[in-house]
Amino acid sequence: MGKNSKNKNKSASNKNQSAANVTTHAHDAQSSTKQQQQHQAPIKRPTLTLQKRNELSSLINALLEIGFKQPANPKEEWDQYLEIQTLLHRVQILEAPLRRTSSNPTTEARLANIENFYRWATENGLRFDGVRIAQFQGYELGLEATRDIAEEEVLFSIPRKLILSEENMDLDYSPTQFGSMSNLKLSYVLMLEALKPDSFWKPYIDLLPERYNTVLYFTTKEMEMLRGSNALTAALRQCKAIARQYAFLYNCTVKASRADKFNSMGQTFKEQFNYDLYRWAVSTVMTRENLVPRSRPLHSGDDSASQESETIAALIPFWDMANHRQGRVTSFFNIETQEMESSAQFSFKAGEQIFIHYGDRSNADLMIHNGFINPTNPKDYVCIKLGLGSSDPLLEQRAKLLQMMQIAKNTELQVLPPPKYISSELLAFVRVFNMNAQQLEHWITSERAMDLLHVDCALETTLESKTWQYLQTRLMLLLRVFPTTLEADEEQLAAYKKGELYLCYVEAMLLEYRVLEKRVLAAALDYAKQRIKT
């Protein structure tokens, strides 16, 4: 599946990056006093009535209440999601006047902003050769080679000055403590910059999508397409977490005491903060962030060594326009030059799209956090939840043996695509789960307990048979949970690709994801059946 959103939680950060302080973007010191006054003049923005604020406060309290409530089962988890969506829908209606007017509602509008972005970026140190931002079918925007490019050739260098991170936070207005959550700090900084008409990063922000294909933008009908899937719980939890964070931040900002003193930007944020803005900022960060080293110590007492090892989330203009293709990481932050450097992971012909590698992730992770999937993902997997029963009389022995192999007694373990099918940890867990007391004692006292991780480990025939029979049964149950069969989904996907069935991008992505997950499970099931026969 192509990608409209672009996540770069990329593992490119061996030499990583950060950003310049927002105070460096003030108007030129040579500006006249009159110009400065004009620059600082307040902008008339819509506000909400006291009645709407009171209703919002009630909705916020309801979101917080359900946000901290742990579901007892999958049905309750789904019901909570529906309740949260109902509350957020009402929130969005009330906050409609506060929605940020985007200058880039379409891909065409974003393309129209490219020249302004180039001018801004090059004036501030961006260096690139043989690369341009272009539109690609199925991807919206990406990077295109304007000439033949050799593998390992440096594509571009981006100075720290252009990188947006928590280090650009307005220190005069920080409504709450985000702790170590650097990605949330970055989302907050992005919201502040998006509300500034004269933001240093405005040319970059004008290139960002207005909305994304992450789960935060799924309709309930689209989320319904994940019923039975391994990815559903993670998707629901993501939506719940963001709704809870929005409600928390609302209470820390909008409901702050009138006695609290804010600078002009803080007051603007207090009045204009809304769920759509937060969802957009969080999605931008989820789909485009990368970890980079700080430019300065977090605490005045930090030494240089700790400074270099500490990383923070950041947005990197131009570099984050590149789409993903499986390969290897070729982007690094050069500590000496204080620049992000990216080289070609493959050779590219003029006119071809230039891809970078975001890192090894499952399709579930890509779909939830990035808004796209990779149909040929060699690093894909499907998780199975497993745990030892508290009433098991052999619980202590099983847990001890699992601990020897560094496997938790309650965990999620991976079913893999061919040719591996079953991960080592999953196989070892099921073996331990099916052992009797004598077998557990034997392996706990053995020096070869790690052999249980290997598929060809020498085990008693009865134990090995029980292991593969358990896996077969579990895989069959996972496939039966889906409301549709693999064959039915494959027929529907084929009809879509032939143009015989209309689906929007997200619906098509979800259908293909479902097919890919079922194929992984079905292939592992066939493998388990073969192991039983042998």
Protein backbone atom coordinates (compact mmCIF):
# COMPACT_ATOMS: atom_id res chain seq x y z
CA MET A 1 0.00 0.00 0.00
CA GLY A 2 1.34 3.46 -0.80
CA LYS A 3 1.62 6.04 1.91
CA ASN A 4 0.00 9.42 2.29
CA SER A 5 1.38 10.04 5.77
CA LYS A 6 5.03 9.74 6.51
CA ASN A 7 6.38 8.53 9.80
CA LYS A 8 9.97 8.92 10.61
CA ASN A 9 10.47 7.67 14.07
CA LYS A 10 13.38 6.50 12.03
CA SER A 11 16.29 4.77 13.63
CA ALA A 12 18.57 7.20 11.83
CA SER A 13 19.78 8.68 15.07
CA ASN A 14 23.32 7.37 15.51
CA LYS A 15 24.56 10.89 15.06
CA ASN A 16 21.18 12.66 15.49
CA GLN A 17 19.78 16.18 15.84
CA SER A 18 17.81 19.07 17.45
CA ALA A 19 16.79 22.70 16.75
CA ALA A 20 17.37 26.42 17.14
CA ASN A 21 15.74 28.52 19.83
CA VAL A 22 12.55 30.26 18.83
CA THR A 23 13.96 33.57 19.97
CA THR A 24 16.35 33.54 16.99
CA HIS A 25 13.45 34.06 14.60
CA ALA A 26 12.38 37.45 15.89
CA HIS A 27 12.08 40.17 13.27
CA ASP A 28 15.35 41.77 12.25
CA ALA A 29 16.75 43.97 15.00
CA GLN A 30 16.94 46.77 12.42
CA SER A 31 13.11 46.84 12.10
CA SER A 32 11.56 50.16 13.02
CA THR A 33 9.60 50.59 16.21
CA LYS A 34 6.47 51.01 14.14
CA GLN A 35 7.12 47.70 12.36
CA GLN A 36 7.67 45.98 15.67
CA GLN A 37 4.42 47.36 17.01
CA GLN A 38 2.61 46.16 13.90
CA HIS A 39 4.23 42.76 14.30
CA GLN A 40 3.13 42.54 17.91
CA ALA A 41 -0.38 43.86 17.32
CA PRO A 42 -2.95 41.32 18.48
CA ILE A 43 -4.79 39.37 15.82
CA LYS A 44 -8.53 39.08 16.14
CA ARG A 45 -9.36 35.42 16.55
CA PRO A 46 -12.71 33.77 17.24
CA THR A 47 -13.38 32.79 20.84
CA LEU A 48 -16.00 30.63 22.51
CA THR A 49 -18.86 31.83 24.66
CA LEU A 50 -19.00 31.04 28.34
CA GLN A 51 -21.90 28.69 27.67
CA LYS A 52 -19.84 26.66 25.17
CA ARG A 53 -16.86 26.65 27.53
CA ASN A 54 -19.03 25.26 30.30
CA GLU A 55 -20.33 22.50 28.04
CA LEU A 56 -16.78 21.73 26.92
CA SER A 57 -15.68 21.45 30.55
CA SER A 58 -18.36 18.85 31.14
CA LEU A 59 -17.21 16.88 28.07
CA ILE A 60 -13.58 17.16 29.18
CA ASN A 61 -14.44 15.68 32.57
CA ALA A 62 -16.24 12.80 30.87
CA LEU A 63 -13.22 12.16 28.61
CA LEU A 64 -10.88 12.09 31.59
CA GLU A 65 -13.14 9.73 33.50
CA ILE A 66 -13.36 7.19 30.69
CA GLY A 67 -9.74 7.82 29.70
CA PHE A 68 -8.46 6.41 32.98
CA LYS A 69 -10.94 3.54 33.16
CA GLN A 70 -9.43 0.14 32.35
CA PRO A 71 -11.68 -2.09 30.20
CA ALA A 72 -12.42 -5.55 31.57
CA ASN A 73 -12.69 -7.23 28.16
CA PRO A 74 -12.54 -6.52 24.40
CA LYS A 75 -16.26 -5.64 24.24
CA GLU A 76 -15.88 -3.03 26.97
CA GLU A 77 -12.78 -1.70 25.22
CA TRP A 78 -14.79 -1.24 22.00
CA ASP A 79 -17.70 0.35 23.87
CA GLN A 80 -15.30 2.81 25.49
CA TYR A 81 -13.95 3.73 22.06
CA LEU A 82 -17.47 4.44 20.77
CA GLU A 83 -18.24 6.55 23.83
CA ILE A 84 -15.00 8.53 23.39
CA GLN A 85 -15.79 9.16 19.72
CA THR A 86 -19.26 10.42 20.63
CA LEU A 87 -17.79 12.82 23.17
CA LEU A 88 -15.10 14.02 20.75
CA HIS A 89 -17.68 14.59 18.02
CA ARG A 90 -19.53 16.97 20.31
CA VAL A 91 -16.23 18.60 21.31
CA GLN A 92 -15.40 19.21 17.63
CA ILE A 93 -18.80 20.82 17.02
CA LEU A 94 -18.33 23.21 19.93
CA GLU A 95 -14.72 24.00 18.97
CA ALA A 96 -15.45 24.47 15.25
CA PRO A 97 -14.87 28.27 15.35
CA LEU A 98 -11.37 27.68 16.74
CA ARG A 99 -10.15 25.42 13.95
CA ARG A 100 -6.93 26.63 12.38
CA THR A 101 -7.39 27.88 8.82
CA SER A 102 -4.91 25.86 6.81
CA SER A 103 -3.17 27.31 3.76
CA ASN A 104 -2.62 23.82 2.39
CA PRO A 105 -5.92 21.90 2.37
CA THR A 106 -5.00 19.99 -0.80
CA THR A 107 -1.89 18.46 -2.33
CA GLU A 108 -2.04 21.13 -5.06
CA ALA A 109 -2.01 23.88 -2.42
CA ARG A 110 0.98 22.26 -0.75
CA LEU A 111 2.78 22.15 -4.11
CA ALA A 112 2.14 25.86 -4.53
CA ASN A 113 4.04 26.47 -1.28
CA ILE A 114 7.19 24.61 -2.37
CA GLU A 115 9.07 27.58 -3.85
CA ASN A 116 8.56 29.61 -0.69
CA PHE A 117 9.80 26.64 1.33
CA TYR A 118 12.92 26.26 -0.88
CA ARG A 119 13.70 29.96 -0.48
CA TRP A 120 13.32 29.84 3.31
CA ALA A 121 15.24 26.58 3.73
CA THR A 122 18.19 27.51 1.50
CA GLU A 123 18.50 30.94 3.09
CA ASN A 124 18.86 29.13 6.41
CA GLY A 125 21.42 26.55 5.34
CA LEU A 126 19.69 23.66 3.54
CA ARG A 127 21.99 22.13 0.93
CA PHE A 128 20.69 19.63 -1.64
CA ASP A 129 21.68 18.45 -5.09
CA GLY A 130 19.76 16.36 -7.61
CA VAL A 131 16.65 16.19 -5.40
CA ARG A 132 13.30 18.01 -5.45
CA ILE A 133 9.89 17.75 -3.78
CA ALA A 134 7.34 16.30 -6.18
CA GLN A 135 3.93 14.67 -6.31
CA PHE A 136 3.67 10.89 -6.70
CA GLN A 137 0.57 8.81 -7.28
CA GLY A 138 -0.42 6.98 -4.11
CA TYR A 139 2.04 8.97 -1.99
CA GLU A 140 0.93 12.61 -2.25
CA LEU A 141 4.35 14.32 -1.93
CA GLY A 142 7.81 12.76 -1.92
CA LEU A 143 11.38 13.37 -3.10
CA GLU A 144 12.31 12.97 -6.77
CA ALA A 145 15.73 12.53 -8.37
CA THR A 146 16.36 15.29 -10.93
CA ARG A 147 19.42 13.42 -12.24
CA ASP A 148 20.97 9.98 -11.93
CA ILE A 149 22.12 9.45 -8.34
CA ALA A 150 24.65 6.85 -7.24
CA GLU A 151 24.25 4.67 -4.16
CA GLU A 152 25.82 6.31 -1.07
CA GLU A 153 25.85 9.74 -2.75
CA VAL A 154 24.97 12.52 -0.30
CA LEU A 155 21.50 13.84 -1.13
CA PHE A 156 21.13 16.75 1.27
CA SER A 157 22.33 18.34 4.51
CA ILE A 158 20.01 20.12 6.93
CA PRO A 159 21.44 22.40 9.65
CA ARG A 160 20.27 22.31 13.23
CA LYS A 161 18.81 25.79 12.80
CA LEU A 162 16.02 24.35 10.62
CA ILE A 163 15.15 21.49 12.96
CA LEU A 164 12.11 21.92 15.20
CA SER A 165 12.24 20.30 18.65
CA GLU A 166 11.27 20.82 22.28
CA GLU A 167 14.29 23.10 22.57
CA ASN A 168 12.18 25.67 20.75
CA MET A 169 9.57 25.65 23.51
CA ASP A 170 8.37 29.04 24.66
CA LEU A 171 9.79 29.04 28.17
CA ASP A 172 7.51 31.92 29.18
CA TYR A 173 4.51 29.70 28.59
CA SER A 174 4.68 26.05 29.48
CA PRO A 175 1.25 25.02 30.82
CA THR A 176 2.23 21.66 32.22
CA GLN A 177 5.13 19.34 32.84
CA PHE A 178 5.48 16.75 30.09
CA GLY A 179 8.11 14.78 31.95
CA SER A 180 10.32 12.72 29.65
CA MET A 181 7.67 12.55 26.87
CA SER A 182 9.69 14.36 24.22
CA ASN A 183 7.16 13.59 21.48
CA LEU A 184 4.40 15.35 23.44
CA LYS A 185 6.64 18.35 24.02
CA LEU A 186 7.27 18.46 20.28
CA SER A 187 3.53 18.31 19.57
CA TYR A 188 3.02 21.23 21.93
CA VAL A 189 5.77 23.28 20.27
CA LEU A 190 4.31 22.54 16.83
CA MET A 191 0.88 23.76 17.95
CA LEU A 192 2.37 27.03 19.22
CA GLU A 193 4.25 27.57 15.95
CA ALA A 194 1.15 26.74 13.87
CA LEU A 195 -0.77 29.46 15.71
CA LYS A 196 1.90 32.10 15.07
CA PRO A 197 1.27 34.00 11.82
CA ASP A 198 4.96 34.99 11.73
CA SER A 199 6.47 31.67 12.84
CA PHE A 200 10.00 31.02 11.63
CA TRP A 201 8.78 27.58 10.56
CA LYS A 202 5.69 28.80 8.67
CA PRO A 203 7.12 27.86 5.22
CA TYR A 204 7.65 24.33 6.56
CA ILE A 205 4.27 24.13 8.30
CA ASP A 206 2.60 25.23 5.04
CA LEU A 207 3.99 22.07 3.41
CA LEU A 208 2.52 19.72 6.01
CA PRO A 209 -0.70 17.79 5.30
CA GLU A 210 -3.90 19.15 6.77
CA ARG A 211 -4.92 15.66 7.92
CA TYR A 212 -3.43 12.19 8.10
CA ASN A 213 -4.37 8.54 7.64
CA THR A 214 -3.45 7.54 11.19
CA VAL A 215 -6.01 5.82 13.44
CA LEU A 216 -6.79 9.19 15.05
CA TYR A 217 -8.63 10.10 11.84
CA PHE A 218 -10.43 6.77 11.36
CA THR A 219 -14.20 6.82 11.38
CA THR A 220 -15.92 4.25 13.56
CA LYS A 221 -16.89 2.43 10.35
CA GLU A 222 -13.23 2.26 9.32
CA MET A 223 -12.15 1.14 12.79
CA GLU A 224 -14.82 -1.56 12.56
CA MET A 225 -12.84 -3.08 9.69
CA LEU A 226 -10.17 -4.08 12.23
CA ARG A 227 -12.55 -6.21 14.29
CA GLY A 228 -10.86 -9.53 15.01
CA SER A 229 -7.44 -8.14 14.11
CA ASN A 230 -4.35 -8.21 16.26
CA ALA A 231 -4.04 -4.46 15.61
CA LEU A 232 -7.44 -3.42 16.97
CA THR A 233 -6.50 -3.17 20.64
CA ALA A 234 -3.40 -1.10 19.87
CA ALA A 235 -5.44 1.20 17.62
CA LEU A 236 -8.15 1.70 20.25
CA ARG A 237 -5.60 2.38 22.96
CA GLN A 238 -3.88 4.96 20.79
CA CYS A 239 -7.16 6.84 20.24
CA LYS A 240 -7.98 6.64 23.93
CA ALA A 241 -4.56 7.91 24.97
CA ILE A 242 -4.71 10.94 22.67
CA ALA A 243 -8.23 11.82 23.83
CA ARG A 244 -7.04 11.60 27.45
CA GLN A 245 -3.98 13.77 26.69
CA TYR A 246 -6.16 16.36 24.97
CA ALA A 247 -8.47 16.53 27.98
CA PHE A 248 -5.53 16.80 30.37
CA LEU A 249 -3.89 19.57 28.34
CA TYR A 250 -7.22 21.40 28.07
CA ASN A 251 -7.49 21.49 31.84
CA CYS A 252 -3.90 22.71 32.12
CA THR A 253 -4.39 25.55 29.64
CA VAL A 254 -7.94 26.67 28.93
CA LYS A 255 -9.14 26.15 32.50
CA ALA A 256 -6.08 27.77 34.03
CA SER A 257 -6.85 30.39 36.64
CA ARG A 258 -7.44 33.93 35.46
CA ALA A 259 -4.80 34.93 37.97
CA ASP A 260 -2.19 33.02 35.95
CA LYS A 261 -0.10 35.34 33.85
CA PHE A 262 0.58 34.42 30.22
CA ASN A 263 2.57 36.11 27.51
CA SER A 264 0.70 36.96 24.29
CA MET A 265 1.44 33.55 22.75
CA GLY A 266 0.35 31.79 25.90
CA GLN A 267 -2.92 33.68 25.89
CA THR A 268 -3.47 32.83 22.23
CA PHE A 269 -2.88 29.16 22.92
CA LYS A 270 -5.22 29.27 25.93
CA GLU A 271 -7.99 30.68 23.73
CA GLN A 272 -7.36 28.68 20.55
CA PHE A 273 -6.36 25.21 21.78
CA ASN A 274 -8.74 22.57 20.42
CA TYR A 275 -8.91 18.84 19.74
CA ASP A 276 -8.47 19.12 15.95
CA LEU A 277 -5.29 21.14 16.46
CA TYR A 278 -3.95 18.62 18.95
CA ARG A 279 -4.85 15.63 16.76
CA TRP A 280 -3.11 17.27 13.80
CA ALA A 281 0.03 18.08 15.79
CA VAL A 282 0.26 14.61 17.36
CA SER A 283 -0.24 12.97 13.96
CA THR A 284 2.40 15.19 12.39
CA VAL A 285 4.87 14.17 15.08
CA MET A 286 3.92 10.47 14.92
CA THR A 287 4.37 10.34 11.17
CA ARG A 288 7.47 12.54 10.80
CA GLU A 289 9.52 12.64 14.00
CA ASN A 290 13.04 11.40 14.51
CA LEU A 291 15.17 11.22 17.64
CA VAL A 292 18.07 13.65 17.65
CA PRO A 293 20.76 14.72 20.17
CA ARG A 294 20.19 17.79 22.27
CA SER A 295 22.11 20.92 21.39
CA ARG A 296 22.49 21.76 25.07
CA PRO A 297 22.27 19.91 28.38
CA LEU A 298 18.85 19.37 29.88
CA HIS A 299 20.22 20.47 33.25
CA SER A 300 23.00 22.95 33.86
CA GLY A 301 24.99 20.28 35.66
CA ASP A 302 25.04 17.85 32.73
CA ASP A 303 28.47 17.07 31.36
CA SER A 304 29.23 16.90 27.60
CA ALA A 305 29.13 13.11 27.54
CA SER A 306 25.57 12.94 28.87
CA GLN A 307 24.59 15.74 26.51
CA GLU A 308 25.72 13.79 23.45
CA SER A 309 23.94 10.62 24.52
CA GLU A 310 20.60 12.30 25.27
CA THR A 311 18.10 12.41 22.41
CA ILE A 312 14.84 14.24 21.82
CA ALA A 313 12.07 14.08 19.22
CA ALA A 314 12.38 16.52 16.32
CA LEU A 315 10.87 17.49 12.98
CA ILE A 316 13.34 17.88 10.11
CA PRO A 317 12.14 19.96 7.15
CA PHE A 318 12.82 18.57 3.64
CA TRP A 319 14.23 15.29 4.96
CA ASP A 320 10.81 14.30 6.26
CA MET A 321 9.35 14.56 2.75
CA ALA A 322 11.03 11.26 1.81
CA ASN A 323 8.82 8.16 1.74
CA HIS A 324 9.70 4.74 3.10
CA ARG A 325 11.15 1.72 1.36
CA GLN A 326 12.64 -1.27 3.12
CA GLY A 327 16.41 -1.15 3.17
CA ARG A 328 18.95 0.37 5.52
CA VAL A 329 19.35 3.59 7.46
CA THR A 330 21.39 6.16 5.54
CA SER A 331 20.55 9.34 7.46
CA PHE A 332 22.69 10.53 10.36
CA PHE A 333 23.31 13.68 12.33
CA ASN A 334 26.86 14.92 11.95
CA ILE A 335 27.96 16.15 15.37
CA GLU A 336 30.92 18.08 13.94
CA THR A 337 28.95 20.05 11.35
CA GLN A 338 25.67 20.04 13.35
CA GLU A 339 23.78 18.91 10.26
CA MET A 340 21.50 16.04 9.34
CA GLU A 341 23.06 14.26 6.38
CA SER A 342 21.27 11.76 4.19
CA SER A 343 22.76 9.60 1.45
CA ALA A 344 21.12 7.39 -1.15
CA GLN A 345 20.43 3.84 0.06
CA PHE A 346 20.08 2.76 -3.60
CA SER A 347 21.02 4.21 -6.96
CA PHE A 348 18.21 6.26 -8.51
CA LYS A 349 17.53 7.29 -12.10
CA ALA A 350 16.40 10.80 -12.99
CA GLY A 351 12.64 11.05 -12.45
CA GLU A 352 12.48 8.21 -9.91
CA GLN A 353 11.20 8.67 -6.37
CA ILE A 354 13.91 8.69 -3.72
CA PHE A 355 13.06 6.52 -0.71
CA ILE A 356 14.63 6.23 2.71
CA HIS A 357 14.32 3.46 5.32
CA TYR A 358 12.28 4.35 8.41
CA GLY A 359 13.39 1.31 10.39
CA ASP A 360 12.09 -2.22 10.93
CA ARG A 361 8.40 -2.16 11.89
CA SER A 362 5.41 -4.42 11.58
CA ASN A 363 2.52 -3.46 9.34
CA ALA A 364 0.35 -2.98 12.42
CA ASP A 365 2.79 -0.40 13.74
CA LEU A 366 3.09 1.31 10.35
CA MET A 367 -0.68 1.46 9.96
CA ILE A 368 -1.43 2.78 13.46
CA HIS A 369 1.35 5.35 13.70
CA ASN A 370 2.21 6.12 10.07
CA GLY A 371 -0.99 5.67 8.10
CA PHE A 372 0.34 3.22 5.53
CA ILE A 373 1.40 -0.42 5.19
CA ASN A 374 4.05 -2.34 3.26
CA PRO A 375 2.60 -5.39 1.44
CA THR A 376 6.08 -6.90 1.04
CA ASN A 377 7.30 -6.09 4.54
CA PRO A 378 9.97 -8.69 5.46
CA LYS A 379 9.86 -7.51 9.09
CA ASP A 380 6.12 -7.98 9.54
CA TYR A 381 4.67 -10.02 12.39
CA VAL A 382 1.43 -10.69 14.24
CA CYS A 383 1.38 -10.75 18.03
CA ILE A 384 -0.22 -13.44 20.18
CA LYS A 385 -1.07 -12.59 23.79
CA LEU A 386 0.05 -15.32 26.16
CA GLY A 387 0.14 -15.59 29.92
CA LEU A 388 0.46 -18.07 32.75
CA GLY A 389 -2.67 -18.68 34.79
CA SER A 390 -2.55 -17.53 38.41
CA SER A 391 -4.22 -20.79 39.50
CA ASP A 392 -1.63 -22.98 37.75
CA PRO A 393 0.02 -25.17 40.44
CA LEU A 394 3.25 -25.07 38.41
CA LEU A 395 3.16 -21.28 37.93
CA GLU A 396 6.35 -20.62 39.88
CA GLN A 397 8.39 -23.21 37.99
CA ARG A 398 7.11 -22.11 34.59
CA ALA A 399 7.81 -18.45 35.37
CA LYS A 400 11.32 -19.31 36.56
CA LEU A 401 12.16 -21.22 33.39
CA LEU A 402 10.76 -18.45 31.20
CA GLN A 403 12.79 -15.90 33.12
CA MET A 404 15.94 -17.91 32.38
CA MET A 405 15.20 -17.22 28.70
CA GLN A 406 14.26 -13.58 29.42
CA ILE A 407 10.59 -14.16 28.54
CA ALA A 408 7.88 -12.54 30.66
CA LYS A 409 5.13 -14.73 32.13
CA ASN A 410 2.50 -12.43 30.61
CA THR A 411 3.49 -11.08 27.22
CA GLU A 412 2.88 -10.70 23.49
CA LEU A 413 4.92 -12.94 21.21
CA GLN A 414 5.32 -12.96 17.46
CA VAL A 415 3.95 -15.08 14.62
CA LEU A 416 6.24 -14.42 11.65
CA PRO A 417 5.92 -14.52 7.86
CA PRO A 418 7.53 -17.44 5.98
CA PRO A 419 10.03 -18.98 6.25
CA LYS A 420 10.24 -18.60 10.07
CA TYR A 421 6.53 -18.73 10.96
CA ILE A 422 6.95 -19.02 14.76
CA SER A 423 9.32 -16.77 16.69
CA SER A 424 11.82 -18.41 19.04
CA GLU A 425 10.24 -16.80 22.09
CA LEU A 426 6.74 -17.92 21.13
CA LEU A 427 7.89 -21.48 20.60
CA ALA A 428 9.78 -21.54 23.90
CA PHE A 429 6.80 -20.11 25.81
CA VAL A 430 4.39 -22.72 24.44
CA ARG A 431 6.87 -25.50 25.22
CA VAL A 432 7.18 -24.32 28.82
CA PHE A 433 3.42 -23.88 29.06
CA ASN A 434 2.89 -27.56 28.11
CA MET A 435 5.58 -29.08 30.36
CA ASN A 436 4.79 -31.28 33.34
CA ALA A 437 6.54 -30.92 36.70
CA GLN A 438 9.31 -33.40 35.85
CA GLN A 439 10.09 -31.72 32.54
CA LEU A 440 10.15 -28.29 34.16
CA GLU A 441 12.59 -29.49 36.81
CA HIS A 442 14.83 -31.01 34.15
CA TRP A 443 15.10 -27.81 32.11
CA ILE A 444 15.41 -25.51 35.14
CA THR A 445 18.45 -27.45 36.35
CA SER A 446 19.87 -27.90 32.84
CA GLU A 447 22.67 -25.77 31.47
CA ARG A 448 21.00 -25.91 28.06
CA ALA A 449 17.71 -24.18 28.83
CA MET A 450 18.30 -21.75 25.96
CA ASP A 451 17.95 -24.71 23.56
CA LEU A 452 14.20 -24.40 24.08
CA LEU A 453 14.33 -21.36 21.81
CA HIS A 454 15.40 -23.49 18.84
CA VAL A 455 12.92 -25.26 16.62
CA ASP A 456 15.06 -28.42 16.48
CA CYS A 457 15.55 -28.68 20.24
CA ALA A 458 15.58 -32.33 21.37
CA LEU A 459 12.37 -32.82 23.32
CA GLU A 460 10.19 -35.72 24.30
CA THR A 461 7.86 -36.60 21.44
CA THR A 462 4.77 -36.11 23.59
CA LEU A 463 5.80 -32.59 24.66
CA GLU A 464 6.71 -31.57 21.14
CA SER A 465 3.39 -32.88 19.84
CA LYS A 466 1.45 -30.98 22.53
CA THR A 467 3.41 -27.82 21.69
CA TRP A 468 2.53 -27.84 18.00
CA GLN A 469 -1.03 -28.95 18.68
CA TYR A 470 -1.46 -25.97 21.02
CA LEU A 471 -0.08 -23.61 18.39
CA GLN A 472 -2.37 -25.08 15.75
CA THR A 473 -5.44 -24.62 17.93
CA ARG A 474 -4.47 -21.06 18.93
CA LEU A 475 -3.83 -20.02 15.32
CA MET A 476 -7.14 -21.50 14.18
CA LEU A 477 -8.96 -19.54 16.89
CA LEU A 478 -7.24 -16.30 15.88
CA LEU A 479 -8.40 -16.74 12.29
CA ARG A 480 -11.94 -17.60 13.36
CA VAL A 481 -12.27 -14.38 15.39
CA PHE A 482 -12.35 -12.36 12.17
CA PRO A 483 -15.87 -11.68 10.89
CA THR A 484 -14.69 -12.46 7.34
CA THR A 485 -12.51 -15.20 5.86
CA LEU A 486 -9.14 -14.74 4.17
CA GLU A 487 -10.63 -15.92 0.88
CA ALA A 488 -13.45 -13.36 1.05
CA ASP A 489 -11.02 -10.55 1.82
CA GLU A 490 -8.71 -11.58 -1.01
CA GLU A 491 -11.62 -11.53 -3.47
CA GLN A 492 -12.62 -8.06 -2.31
CA LEU A 493 -9.04 -6.78 -2.52
CA ALA A 494 -8.66 -8.19 -6.03
CA ALA A 495 -11.90 -6.46 -7.09
CA TYR A 496 -10.60 -3.17 -5.68
CA LYS A 497 -7.30 -3.44 -7.54
CA LYS A 498 -9.15 -4.19 -10.79
CA GLY A 499 -11.25 -1.08 -10.33
CA GLU A 500 -14.43 -3.10 -9.82
CA LEU A 501 -14.89 -1.93 -6.22
CA TYR A 502 -14.58 1.59 -4.85
CA LEU A 503 -12.83 2.06 -1.51
CA CYS A 504 -11.30 5.19 -0.04
CA TYR A 505 -7.59 5.09 0.79
CA VAL A 506 -8.09 4.12 4.44
CA GLU A 507 -10.64 1.42 3.63
CA ALA A 508 -8.33 -0.09 1.03
CA MET A 509 -5.40 0.04 3.46
CA LEU A 510 -7.40 -1.67 6.20
CA LEU A 511 -8.65 -4.37 3.83
CA GLU A 512 -5.13 -5.10 2.62
CA TYR A 513 -3.79 -5.05 6.17
CA ARG A 514 -6.41 -7.62 7.15
CA VAL A 515 -5.38 -9.84 4.23
CA LEU A 516 -1.70 -9.58 5.17
CA GLU A 517 -2.35 -10.42 8.83
CA LYS A 518 -4.51 -13.42 7.93
CA ARG A 519 -1.89 -14.68 5.48
CA VAL A 520 0.75 -14.63 8.21
CA LEU A 521 -1.54 -16.56 10.57
CA ALA A 522 -2.67 -19.00 7.86
CA ALA A 523 0.89 -19.77 6.77
CA ALA A 524 1.93 -20.37 10.39
CA LEU A 525 -1.10 -22.62 10.86
CA ASP A 526 -0.11 -24.75 7.86
CA TYR A 527 3.43 -24.94 9.25
CA ALA A 528 2.15 -26.10 12.66
CA LYS A 529 0.08 -28.79 10.97
CA GLN A 530 3.14 -30.02 9.10
CA ARG A 531 5.16 -30.16 12.32
CA ILE A 532 2.46 -32.31 13.92
CA LYS A 533 2.60 -34.75 11.00
CA THR A 534 6.37 -35.08 11.25
